């Protein structure tokens, strides 16, 4: 599962990152690194970009870049996901 697959309100921990795209490396500088806990706040109309909460701040990420971050969901929202 990737950041792009999270549902609104769902929490996840980043487990691995594909750094082949330069934009992904820039997001890592902003705090999207392995072990970071993120919450999917919401997505814009059309689903892109996604707004994530991490370390007390909100960050907007393009869906294409979010696909490069593997995550492990946890918490109540992950239990109701099909």
PDB file of N, CA and C in Angstrom:
ATOM      1  N   UNK A   1       0.840  -1.168   0.000  1.00  0.00           N
ATOM      2  CA  UNK A   1       0.000   0.000   0.000  1.00  0.00           C
ATOM      3  C   UNK A   1       0.893   1.240   0.000  1.00  0.00           C
ATOM      4  N   UNK A   2       0.445   2.293  -0.679  1.00  0.00           N
ATOM      5  CA  UNK A   2       1.220   3.532  -0.756  1.00  0.00           C
ATOM      6  C   UNK A   2       0.427   4.689  -0.146  1.00  0.00           C
ATOM      7  N   UNK A   3       1.084   5.843  -0.013  1.00  0.00           N
ATOM      8  CA  UNK A   3       0.393   7.031   0.481  1.00  0.00           C
ATOM      9  C   UNK A   3      -0.806   7.370  -0.389  1.00  0.00           C
ATOM     10  N   UNK A   4      -0.720   7.107  -1.679  1.00  0.00           N
ATOM     11  CA  UNK A   4      -1.805   7.417  -2.607  1.00  0.00           C
ATOM     12  C   UNK A   4      -3.047   6.565  -2.349  1.00  0.00           C
ATOM     13  N   UNK A   5      -2.901   5.441  -1.655  1.00  0.00           N
ATOM     14  CA  UNK A   5      -4.016   4.522  -1.407  1.00  0.00           C
ATOM     15  C   UNK A   5      -4.754   4.788  -0.098  1.00  0.00           C
ATOM     16  N   UNK A   6      -4.253   5.695   0.730  1.00  0.00           N
ATOM     17  CA  UNK A   6      -4.876   5.947   2.026  1.00  0.00           C
ATOM     18  C   UNK A   6      -6.241   6.610   1.871  1.00  0.00           C
ATOM     19  N   UNK A   7      -7.129   6.295   2.794  1.00  0.00           N
ATOM     20  CA  UNK A   7      -8.448   6.923   2.849  1.00  0.00           C
ATOM     21  C   UNK A   7      -8.381   8.146   3.758  1.00  0.00           C
ATOM     22  N   UNK A   8      -9.327   9.057   3.587  1.00  0.00           N
ATOM     23  CA  UNK A   8      -9.397  10.239   4.437  1.00  0.00           C
ATOM     24  C   UNK A   8      -9.493   9.827   5.901  1.00  0.00           C
ATOM     25  N   UNK A   9      -8.648  10.428   6.737  1.00  0.00           N
ATOM     26  CA  UNK A   9      -8.632  10.139   8.160  1.00  0.00           C
ATOM     27  C   UNK A   9      -7.749   8.979   8.562  1.00  0.00           C
ATOM     28  N   UNK A  10      -7.209   8.266   7.597  1.00  0.00           N
ATOM     29  CA  UNK A  10      -6.404   7.085   7.900  1.00  0.00           C
ATOM     30  C   UNK A  10      -4.977   7.476   8.283  1.00  0.00           C
ATOM     31  N   UNK A  11      -4.432   6.760   9.269  1.00  0.00           N
ATOM     32  CA  UNK A  11      -3.046   6.938   9.717  1.00  0.00           C
ATOM     33  C   UNK A  11      -2.184   5.820   9.146  1.00  0.00           C
ATOM     34  N   UNK A  12      -0.920   6.136   8.894  1.00  0.00           N
ATOM     35  CA  UNK A  12       0.005   5.116   8.398  1.00  0.00           C
ATOM     36  C   UNK A  12       1.433   5.503   8.761  1.00  0.00           C
ATOM     37  N   UNK A  13       2.294   4.506   8.761  1.00  0.00           N
ATOM     38  CA  UNK A  13       3.728   4.709   8.991  1.00  0.00           C
ATOM     39  C   UNK A  13       4.447   4.412   7.678  1.00  0.00           C
ATOM     40  N   UNK A  14       5.343   5.293   7.274  1.00  0.00           N
ATOM     41  CA  UNK A  14       6.114   5.081   6.044  1.00  0.00           C
ATOM     42  C   UNK A  14       7.113   3.957   6.293  1.00  0.00           C
ATOM     43  N   UNK A  15       7.093   2.937   5.432  1.00  0.00           N
ATOM     44  CA  UNK A  15       7.974   1.783   5.612  1.00  0.00           C
ATOM     45  C   UNK A  15       9.117   1.733   4.613  1.00  0.00           C
ATOM     46  N   UNK A  16       8.906   2.241   3.400  1.00  0.00           N
ATOM     47  CA  UNK A  16       9.988   2.278   2.414  1.00  0.00           C
ATOM     48  C   UNK A  16       9.688   3.344   1.368  1.00  0.00           C
ATOM     49  N   UNK A  17      10.743   3.791   0.696  1.00  0.00           N
ATOM     50  CA  UNK A  17      10.620   4.892  -0.262  1.00  0.00           C
ATOM     51  C   UNK A  17      11.404   4.552  -1.522  1.00  0.00           C
ATOM     52  N   UNK A  18      10.781   4.771  -2.674  1.00  0.00           N
ATOM     53  CA  UNK A  18      11.444   4.636  -3.969  1.00  0.00           C
ATOM     54  C   UNK A  18      11.966   6.023  -4.338  1.00  0.00           C
ATOM     55  N   UNK A  19      13.268   6.212  -4.276  1.00  0.00           N
ATOM     56  CA  UNK A  19      13.868   7.531  -4.482  1.00  0.00           C
ATOM     57  C   UNK A  19      14.287   7.794  -5.924  1.00  0.00           C
ATOM     58  N   UNK A  20      13.709   7.071  -6.864  1.00  0.00           N
ATOM     59  CA  UNK A  20      14.116   7.229  -8.266  1.00  0.00           C
ATOM     60  C   UNK A  20      13.654   8.542  -8.886  1.00  0.00           C
ATOM     61  N   UNK A  21      12.677   9.216  -8.300  1.00  0.00           N
ATOM     62  CA  UNK A  21      12.176  10.482  -8.832  1.00  0.00           C
ATOM     63  C   UNK A  21      12.721  11.637  -7.992  1.00  0.00           C
ATOM     64  N   UNK A  22      13.293  12.671  -8.629  1.00  0.00           N
ATOM     65  CA  UNK A  22      13.865  13.790  -7.868  1.00  0.00           C
ATOM     66  C   UNK A  22      12.875  14.468  -6.924  1.00  0.00           C
ATOM     67  N   UNK A  23      11.621  14.597  -7.293  1.00  0.00           N
ATOM     68  CA  UNK A  23      10.623  15.228  -6.435  1.00  0.00           C
ATOM     69  C   UNK A  23      10.411  14.474  -5.139  1.00  0.00           C
ATOM     70  N   UNK A  24      10.606  13.178  -5.155  1.00  0.00           N
ATOM     71  CA  UNK A  24      10.449  12.354  -3.956  1.00  0.00           C
ATOM     72  C   UNK A  24      11.540  12.698  -2.944  1.00  0.00           C
ATOM     73  N   UNK A  25      12.744  12.908  -3.414  1.00  0.00           N
ATOM     74  CA  UNK A  25      13.860  13.266  -2.529  1.00  0.00           C
ATOM     75  C   UNK A  25      13.573  14.602  -1.847  1.00  0.00           C
ATOM     76  N   UNK A  26      12.968  15.552  -2.568  1.00  0.00           N
ATOM     77  CA  UNK A  26      12.619  16.842  -1.964  1.00  0.00           C
ATOM     78  C   UNK A  26      11.583  16.673  -0.853  1.00  0.00           C
ATOM     79  N   UNK A  27      10.649  15.756  -1.056  1.00  0.00           N
ATOM     80  CA  UNK A  27       9.639  15.497  -0.018  1.00  0.00           C
ATOM     81  C   UNK A  27      10.273  14.868   1.223  1.00  0.00           C
ATOM     82  N   UNK A  28      11.309  14.079   1.025  1.00  0.00           N
ATOM     83  CA  UNK A  28      12.008  13.479   2.157  1.00  0.00           C
ATOM     84  C   UNK A  28      12.646  14.570   3.023  1.00  0.00           C
ATOM     85  N   UNK A  29      13.153  15.617   2.407  1.00  0.00           N
ATOM     86  CA  UNK A  29      13.744  16.734   3.148  1.00  0.00           C
ATOM     87  C   UNK A  29      12.683  17.413   4.022  1.00  0.00           C
ATOM     88  N   UNK A  30      11.427  17.371   3.585  1.00  0.00           N
ATOM     89  CA  UNK A  30      10.327  17.978   4.339  1.00  0.00           C
ATOM     90  C   UNK A  30       9.790  17.071   5.439  1.00  0.00           C
ATOM     91  N   UNK A  31      10.332  15.857   5.570  1.00  0.00           N
ATOM     92  CA  UNK A  31       9.946  14.986   6.675  1.00  0.00           C
ATOM     93  C   UNK A  31       9.319  13.661   6.298  1.00  0.00           C
ATOM     94  N   UNK A  32       9.063  13.418   5.023  1.00  0.00           N
ATOM     95  CA  UNK A  32       8.503  12.133   4.609  1.00  0.00           C
ATOM     96  C   UNK A  32       9.635  11.114   4.492  1.00  0.00           C
ATOM     97  N   UNK A  33      10.011  10.550   5.632  1.00  0.00           N
ATOM     98  CA  UNK A  33      11.088   9.563   5.681  1.00  0.00           C
ATOM     99  C   UNK A  33      10.568   8.302   6.354  1.00  0.00           C
ATOM    100  N   UNK A  34      11.320   7.204   6.224  1.00  0.00           N
ATOM    101  CA  UNK A  34      10.910   5.936   6.832  1.00  0.00           C
ATOM    102  C   UNK A  34      10.684   6.116   8.331  1.00  0.00           C
ATOM    103  N   UNK A  35       9.580   5.564   8.822  1.00  0.00           N
ATOM    104  CA  UNK A  35       9.242   5.643  10.233  1.00  0.00           C
ATOM    105  C   UNK A  35       8.309   6.794  10.582  1.00  0.00           C
ATOM    106  N   UNK A  36       8.149   7.745   9.688  1.00  0.00           N
ATOM    107  CA  UNK A  36       7.273   8.886   9.951  1.00  0.00           C
ATOM    108  C   UNK A  36       5.810   8.452   9.921  1.00  0.00           C
ATOM    109  N   UNK A  37       5.042   8.946  10.875  1.00  0.00           N
ATOM    110  CA  UNK A  37       3.606   8.666  10.915  1.00  0.00           C
ATOM    111  C   UNK A  37       2.884   9.811  10.213  1.00  0.00           C
ATOM    112  N   UNK A  38       2.018   9.462   9.281  1.00  0.00           N
ATOM    113  CA  UNK A  38       1.257  10.456   8.528  1.00  0.00           C
ATOM    114  C   UNK A  38      -0.231  10.178   8.660  1.00  0.00           C
ATOM    115  N   UNK A  39      -1.025  11.227   8.485  1.00  0.00           N
ATOM    116  CA  UNK A  39      -2.480  11.096   8.468  1.00  0.00           C
ATOM    117  C   UNK A  39      -2.976  11.738   7.178  1.00  0.00           C
ATOM    118  N   UNK A  40      -3.825  11.028   6.456  1.00  0.00           N
ATOM    119  CA  UNK A  40      -4.418  11.576   5.232  1.00  0.00           C
ATOM    120  C   UNK A  40      -5.561  12.490   5.653  1.00  0.00           C
ATOM    121  N   UNK A  41      -5.400  13.799   5.445  1.00  0.00           N
ATOM    122  CA  UNK A  41      -6.429  14.755   5.843  1.00  0.00           C
ATOM    123  C   UNK A  41      -7.563  14.801   4.826  1.00  0.00           C
ATOM    124  N   UNK A  42      -7.231  15.053   3.576  1.00  0.00           N
ATOM    125  CA  UNK A  42      -8.214  15.051   2.499  1.00  0.00           C
ATOM    126  C   UNK A  42      -7.503  15.237   1.165  1.00  0.00           C
ATOM    127  N   UNK A  43      -8.271  15.157   0.091  1.00  0.00           N
ATOM    128  CA  UNK A  43      -7.738  15.357  -1.252  1.00  0.00           C
ATOM    129  C   UNK A  43      -8.525  16.466  -1.932  1.00  0.00           C
ATOM    130  N   UNK A  44      -7.901  17.137  -2.867  1.00  0.00           N
ATOM    131  CA  UNK A  44      -8.580  18.172  -3.630  1.00  0.00           C
ATOM    132  C   UNK A  44      -9.629  17.540  -4.545  1.00  0.00           C
ATOM    133  N   UNK A  45     -10.491  18.360  -5.096  1.00  0.00           N
ATOM    134  CA  UNK A  45     -11.482  17.864  -6.052  1.00  0.00           C
ATOM    135  C   UNK A  45     -10.726  17.191  -7.192  1.00  0.00           C
ATOM    136  N   UNK A  46     -11.144  16.003  -7.552  1.00  0.00           N
ATOM    137  CA  UNK A  46     -10.437  15.235  -8.569  1.00  0.00           C
ATOM    138  C   UNK A  46      -9.387  14.310  -7.968  1.00  0.00           C
ATOM    139  N   UNK A  47      -9.126  14.446  -6.664  1.00  0.00           N
ATOM    140  CA  UNK A  47      -8.222  13.530  -5.987  1.00  0.00           C
ATOM    141  C   UNK A  47      -6.759  13.904  -5.981  1.00  0.00           C
ATOM    142  N   UNK A  48      -6.394  15.058  -6.525  1.00  0.00           N
ATOM    143  CA  UNK A  48      -4.983  15.414  -6.590  1.00  0.00           C
ATOM    144  C   UNK A  48      -4.841  16.914  -6.378  1.00  0.00           C
ATOM    145  N   UNK A  49      -4.025  17.417  -5.475  1.00  0.00           N
ATOM    146  CA  UNK A  49      -3.097  16.707  -4.603  1.00  0.00           C
ATOM    147  C   UNK A  49      -3.772  16.197  -3.325  1.00  0.00           C
ATOM    148  N   UNK A  50      -2.999  15.425  -2.566  1.00  0.00           N
ATOM    149  CA  UNK A  50      -3.427  14.904  -1.273  1.00  0.00           C
ATOM    150  C   UNK A  50      -2.872  15.825  -0.195  1.00  0.00           C
ATOM    151  N   UNK A  51      -3.619  16.000   0.877  1.00  0.00           N
ATOM    152  CA  UNK A  51      -3.090  16.756   2.009  1.00  0.00           C
ATOM    153  C   UNK A  51      -2.823  15.782   3.142  1.00  0.00           C
ATOM    154  N   UNK A  52      -1.591  15.784   3.608  1.00  0.00           N
ATOM    155  CA  UNK A  52      -1.158  14.888   4.674  1.00  0.00           C
ATOM    156  C   UNK A  52      -0.754  15.700   5.888  1.00  0.00           C
ATOM    157  N   UNK A  53      -0.953  15.125   7.061  1.00  0.00           N
ATOM    158  CA  UNK A  53      -0.481  15.736   8.295  1.00  0.00           C
ATOM    159  C   UNK A  53       0.676  14.903   8.822  1.00  0.00           C
ATOM    160  N   UNK A  54       1.784  15.571   9.127  1.00  0.00           N
ATOM    161  CA  UNK A  54       2.929  14.885   9.720  1.00  0.00           C
ATOM    162  C   UNK A  54       3.681  15.857  10.607  1.00  0.00           C
ATOM    163  N   UNK A  55       4.081  15.379  11.753  1.00  0.00           N
ATOM    164  CA  UNK A  55       4.855  16.172  12.712  1.00  0.00           C
ATOM    165  C   UNK A  55       4.224  17.529  12.985  1.00  0.00           C
ATOM    166  N   UNK A  56       2.892  17.567  13.096  1.00  0.00           N
ATOM    167  CA  UNK A  56       2.207  18.798  13.460  1.00  0.00           C
ATOM    168  C   UNK A  56       1.994  19.794  12.341  1.00  0.00           C
ATOM    169  N   UNK A  57       2.245  19.413  11.118  1.00  0.00           N
ATOM    170  CA  UNK A  57       2.062  20.327   9.992  1.00  0.00           C
ATOM    171  C   UNK A  57       1.359  19.618   8.844  1.00  0.00           C
ATOM    172  N   UNK A  58       0.791  20.377   7.932  1.00  0.00           N
ATOM    173  CA  UNK A  58       0.120  19.806   6.764  1.00  0.00           C
ATOM    174  C   UNK A  58       1.021  19.973   5.541  1.00  0.00           C
ATOM    175  N   UNK A  59       0.986  18.981   4.678  1.00  0.00           N
ATOM    176  CA  UNK A  59       1.816  18.966   3.485  1.00  0.00           C
ATOM    177  C   UNK A  59       0.983  18.440   2.325  1.00  0.00           C
ATOM    178  N   UNK A  60       0.982  19.152   1.212  1.00  0.00           N
ATOM    179  CA  UNK A  60       0.275  18.685   0.018  1.00  0.00           C
ATOM    180  C   UNK A  60       1.250  17.945  -0.883  1.00  0.00           C
ATOM    181  N   UNK A  61       0.808  16.783  -1.365  1.00  0.00           N
ATOM    182  CA  UNK A  61       1.662  15.903  -2.158  1.00  0.00           C
ATOM    183  C   UNK A  61       0.887  15.458  -3.394  1.00  0.00           C
ATOM    184  N   UNK A  62       1.530  15.501  -4.540  1.00  0.00           N
ATOM    185  CA  UNK A  62       0.909  14.988  -5.752  1.00  0.00           C
ATOM    186  C   UNK A  62       0.729  13.479  -5.636  1.00  0.00           C
ATOM    187  N   UNK A  63      -0.383  12.983  -6.148  1.00  0.00           N
ATOM    188  CA  UNK A  63      -0.697  11.556  -6.085  1.00  0.00           C
ATOM    189  C   UNK A  63       0.423  10.728  -6.740  1.00  0.00           C
ATOM    190  N   UNK A  64       0.969  11.195  -7.844  1.00  0.00           N
ATOM    191  CA  UNK A  64       2.033  10.453  -8.532  1.00  0.00           C
ATOM    192  C   UNK A  64       3.254  10.291  -7.619  1.00  0.00           C
ATOM    193  N   UNK A  65       3.615  11.321  -6.886  1.00  0.00           N
ATOM    194  CA  UNK A  65       4.748  11.228  -5.968  1.00  0.00           C
ATOM    195  C   UNK A  65       4.399  10.383  -4.748  1.00  0.00           C
ATOM    196  N   UNK A  66       3.150  10.452  -4.298  1.00  0.00           N
ATOM    197  CA  UNK A  66       2.710   9.664  -3.139  1.00  0.00           C
ATOM    198  C   UNK A  66       2.830   8.165  -3.403  1.00  0.00           C
ATOM    199  N   UNK A  67       2.768   7.752  -4.665  1.00  0.00           N
ATOM    200  CA  UNK A  67       2.885   6.332  -5.018  1.00  0.00           C
ATOM    201  C   UNK A  67       4.283   5.772  -4.767  1.00  0.00           C
ATOM    202  N   UNK A  68       5.250   6.634  -4.520  1.00  0.00           N
ATOM    203  CA  UNK A  68       6.627   6.198  -4.273  1.00  0.00           C
ATOM    204  C   UNK A  68       6.899   5.915  -2.791  1.00  0.00           C
ATOM    205  N   UNK A  69       5.892   6.129  -1.927  1.00  0.00           N
ATOM    206  CA  UNK A  69       6.043   5.925  -0.488  1.00  0.00           C
ATOM    207  C   UNK A  69       5.190   4.745  -0.045  1.00  0.00           C
ATOM    208  N   UNK A  70       5.831   3.639   0.305  1.00  0.00           N
ATOM    209  CA  UNK A  70       5.117   2.471   0.832  1.00  0.00           C
ATOM    210  C   UNK A  70       4.787   2.730   2.290  1.00  0.00           C
ATOM    211  N   UNK A  71       3.562   2.381   2.693  1.00  0.00           N
ATOM    212  CA  UNK A  71       3.130   2.633   4.065  1.00  0.00           C
ATOM    213  C   UNK A  71       2.460   1.408   4.661  1.00  0.00           C
ATOM    214  N   UNK A  72       2.393   1.413   5.980  1.00  0.00           N
ATOM    215  CA  UNK A  72       1.674   0.385   6.736  1.00  0.00           C
ATOM    216  C   UNK A  72       0.594   1.107   7.541  1.00  0.00           C
ATOM    217  N   UNK A  73      -0.679   0.932   7.171  1.00  0.00           N
ATOM    218  CA  UNK A  73      -1.757   1.625   7.892  1.00  0.00           C
ATOM    219  C   UNK A  73      -1.953   1.051   9.292  1.00  0.00           C
ATOM    220  N   UNK A  74      -2.471   1.877  10.186  1.00  0.00           N
ATOM    221  CA  UNK A  74      -2.805   1.418  11.526  1.00  0.00           C
ATOM    222  C   UNK A  74      -3.910   2.282  12.102  1.00  0.00           C
ATOM    223  N   UNK A  75      -4.494   1.847  13.201  1.00  0.00           N
ATOM    224  CA  UNK A  75      -5.541   2.601  13.874  1.00  0.00           C
ATOM    225  C   UNK A  75      -6.936   2.249  13.382  1.00  0.00           C
ATOM    226  N   UNK A  76      -7.951   2.863  13.963  1.00  0.00           N
ATOM    227  CA  UNK A  76      -9.346   2.532  13.656  1.00  0.00           C
ATOM    228  C   UNK A  76      -9.706   2.684  12.190  1.00  0.00           C
ATOM    229  N   UNK A  77      -9.195   3.701  11.511  1.00  0.00           N
ATOM    230  CA  UNK A  77      -9.550   3.904  10.103  1.00  0.00           C
ATOM    231  C   UNK A  77      -9.049   2.754   9.226  1.00  0.00           C
ATOM    232  N   UNK A  78      -7.913   2.142   9.585  1.00  0.00           N
ATOM    233  CA  UNK A  78      -7.385   1.045   8.780  1.00  0.00           C
ATOM    234  C   UNK A  78      -8.222  -0.219   8.962  1.00  0.00           C
ATOM    235  N   UNK A  79      -8.915  -0.328  10.103  1.00  0.00           N
ATOM    236  CA  UNK A  79      -9.729  -1.505  10.365  1.00  0.00           C
ATOM    237  C   UNK A  79     -11.010  -1.525   9.542  1.00  0.00           C
ATOM    238  N   UNK A  80     -11.502  -0.351   9.118  1.00  0.00           N
ATOM    239  CA  UNK A  80     -12.745  -0.310   8.343  1.00  0.00           C
ATOM    240  C   UNK A  80     -12.497  -0.260   6.840  1.00  0.00           C
ATOM    241  N   UNK A  81     -11.234  -0.161   6.443  1.00  0.00           N
ATOM    242  CA  UNK A  81     -10.898  -0.121   5.009  1.00  0.00           C
ATOM    243  C   UNK A  81     -11.116  -1.502   4.407  1.00  0.00           C
ATOM    244  N   UNK A  82     -11.782  -1.581   3.240  1.00  0.00           N
ATOM    245  CA  UNK A  82     -12.040  -2.907   2.617  1.00  0.00           C
ATOM    246  C   UNK A  82     -10.779  -3.584   2.128  1.00  0.00           C
TER     247      UNK A  82
END
